[in-house]
């Protein structure tokens, strides 16, 4: 009996091993993020190996000056923008999935996607100045989210999550009709609007990054403050209220943050679907449902996913470039169907 107890004491318990395992997962995720960043920089119509990429980034003497221009001045800002946009979409997805308590919730359910498309289309048709499409998309996304929130409060005294969802659907339909009307009136701008709707980081530089980086940091950092309330909400709204949680305040904060993150991402790269759906699920499989871990893990997963998609978009048919939204749809649509099948199977 004594020998058995000694053997049992010498073997670390699962609880004792958890922090070590989580730390290992976190380090692995950060390592994967760096590897994907370096690999993405080397991919494109002109490819570069890891040594050339490292030499340029470290500023070593003797580095190819042409490679320095391509990697440092063109691809680095674009790749970082893709990573930050992916992180913003993923964090927005986590917030809405936690708020709706539904793993199928997506950052675009608030009408932000259609609103951004309408704003960008209006800018491309009427303004036509550099950067106007991004500003139009940002304003349109925030405007659509605000309209969804106002409609939800007008139709439901409590502004319930169901009301927000239905209002977002109605606003999406309205904005989509607006985009169709603009394209019908100005068919010569069809290609520009269509390419924006499919998403692309082509031509994104340090100016776009200077706006996207602080917004992504603000959304991600503030989202961490909502981690504990979202965990409490997972037990249901009635239980959360009984524990003293202000559900209405949480709902307003989560929706506002998700709208801001989605607007920033769409303004940087156009409408890119499924990242906010796939990345949180991938992170949840490894790090579990606790939002304190899930939010940063999802940000890393979203960055990895969108940087990878952007690298493939400029490589698969080089020198032609595919819209990045096409690749995320190819990856995300089957993933969505798998989640849907599992949910339906679990209810039977």
Foldseek 3Di string as FASTA:
>chain_A
DVVVVVVVVVDDDPVVCVVVQVVVVVVVLVVLLVVLLLCLLQFFLHGDDSVLSVCLVVVPPPRDPVSNCSRVFFRNFLLVLLLLLQLLQQLLLLLLCLLVVHLLDGLCLQLLQLQLLLQLLCCVQPPVDPLSSLVRSLVRLLVSNVQLQVQLCVVDVLSGPVSSSVSSVVSNVVSNVSSVVSCVVPVVCVVVSVLLQLWAQHPQGDVLVVVSVVLSVVLLVVSLVCQVVSVQCSVPDVSSVVVPDPSSVSVVVSSNSSSSSNSSSCSNIHDAPQSNSPLLVVLCVSPNDRSNRSSVSSSSSSSSVSSNLNSCQRHVPPVDGHHSNVVSCVVRVVVSVVVVVVVVVVVD
